């Protein structure tokens, strides 16, 4: 209370008014937060660890040790297990999310980099960078079900919403490989720009977005026709074109917006996913790699490898609202399903 304020009748009215305004502001701030609290998992490539973050408080709640050079990360369908690519150990670590402990490891080919879990939750599709193949693992039996030859340096992994088509991108061959998940055979190859790093299907399964790190583009592929129908390019004032290197991609469920991490450009591009027009660039940390939504898609998290932090984006406002320090060289990010 300011000096000289007297509790007279007029002062009481003012005090009540101030309390009412404060109450409204608190209600407004509470309503602006996430509808639910989720857990965010960030792999720290140089730290050999996973940073654990509460999506409501936006604070680090723990750091879990894993194998060497952790990169790709995802959760089981029920959120009880966390899968981590321990790339330099040639294995997949499986952690109990209630304890943060590694409870088992899955067999994989050399240098697992990214992966994606099948719709039933028992098959894990893994890109093995060092031997040009995709390994299919039954996570319950810890058994390799298939090894699919693909291009050189496979990395990006996308799965159609119906689970029937798996897509792997090969960084050196510059292709998106379409794989039938019933036969585990490559059924088509689509040439894209140099060094494709990520593949993301739209929610309706009609289109596939593929980022090309060196090419500086995102190719949009018509899934039925298996051909590129659009290429998105990027231009940022005062940023050299060579620094604009698209990597991670996320598309909203309603198909209205897409977000693309642009590597050393230190930006996330916000794109109208219907017109394929770049609307704005959001400044984030240094060397932005991967992206992940919360399940309600209210927040988007980016891993910023060179600045050792993650950025938090308010999706509706299209605004960065916080930076959170994590471990050394954060690379992958996943969010609990519940």
Foldseek 3Di string as FASTA:
>chain_A
DDPPQDPDPVSVVVVVVVVVVVVVVVVVVVVLFDPDWWWKWWDFQQVQWIFIAIRRVRATDDIAHHAHRWFAKEAFQQRQWIWIQNQQVQWIFIAGVVVSDGPDIAHHGHRWHYWDAAPVRQWIWTFHQCPQWIWIARNVVSDTPDIEHHDHRWAAWEAALVRQWIWIAHQQVQWIFIAGPVVRYTPDIEHDDHGWAYWYAALVRQWIWIFHFQRQWIFIAGVVVRYTDDIAHDDDPPDDSRQFGWHAKDADNVQQWIWTDGFQVQWIFIAGRVVRHTDDIAHHAGGWHYWDAQLVRQWMWIFHFPVQWIWIARVVVRYTDDIYHDDHGTHYMYIRND
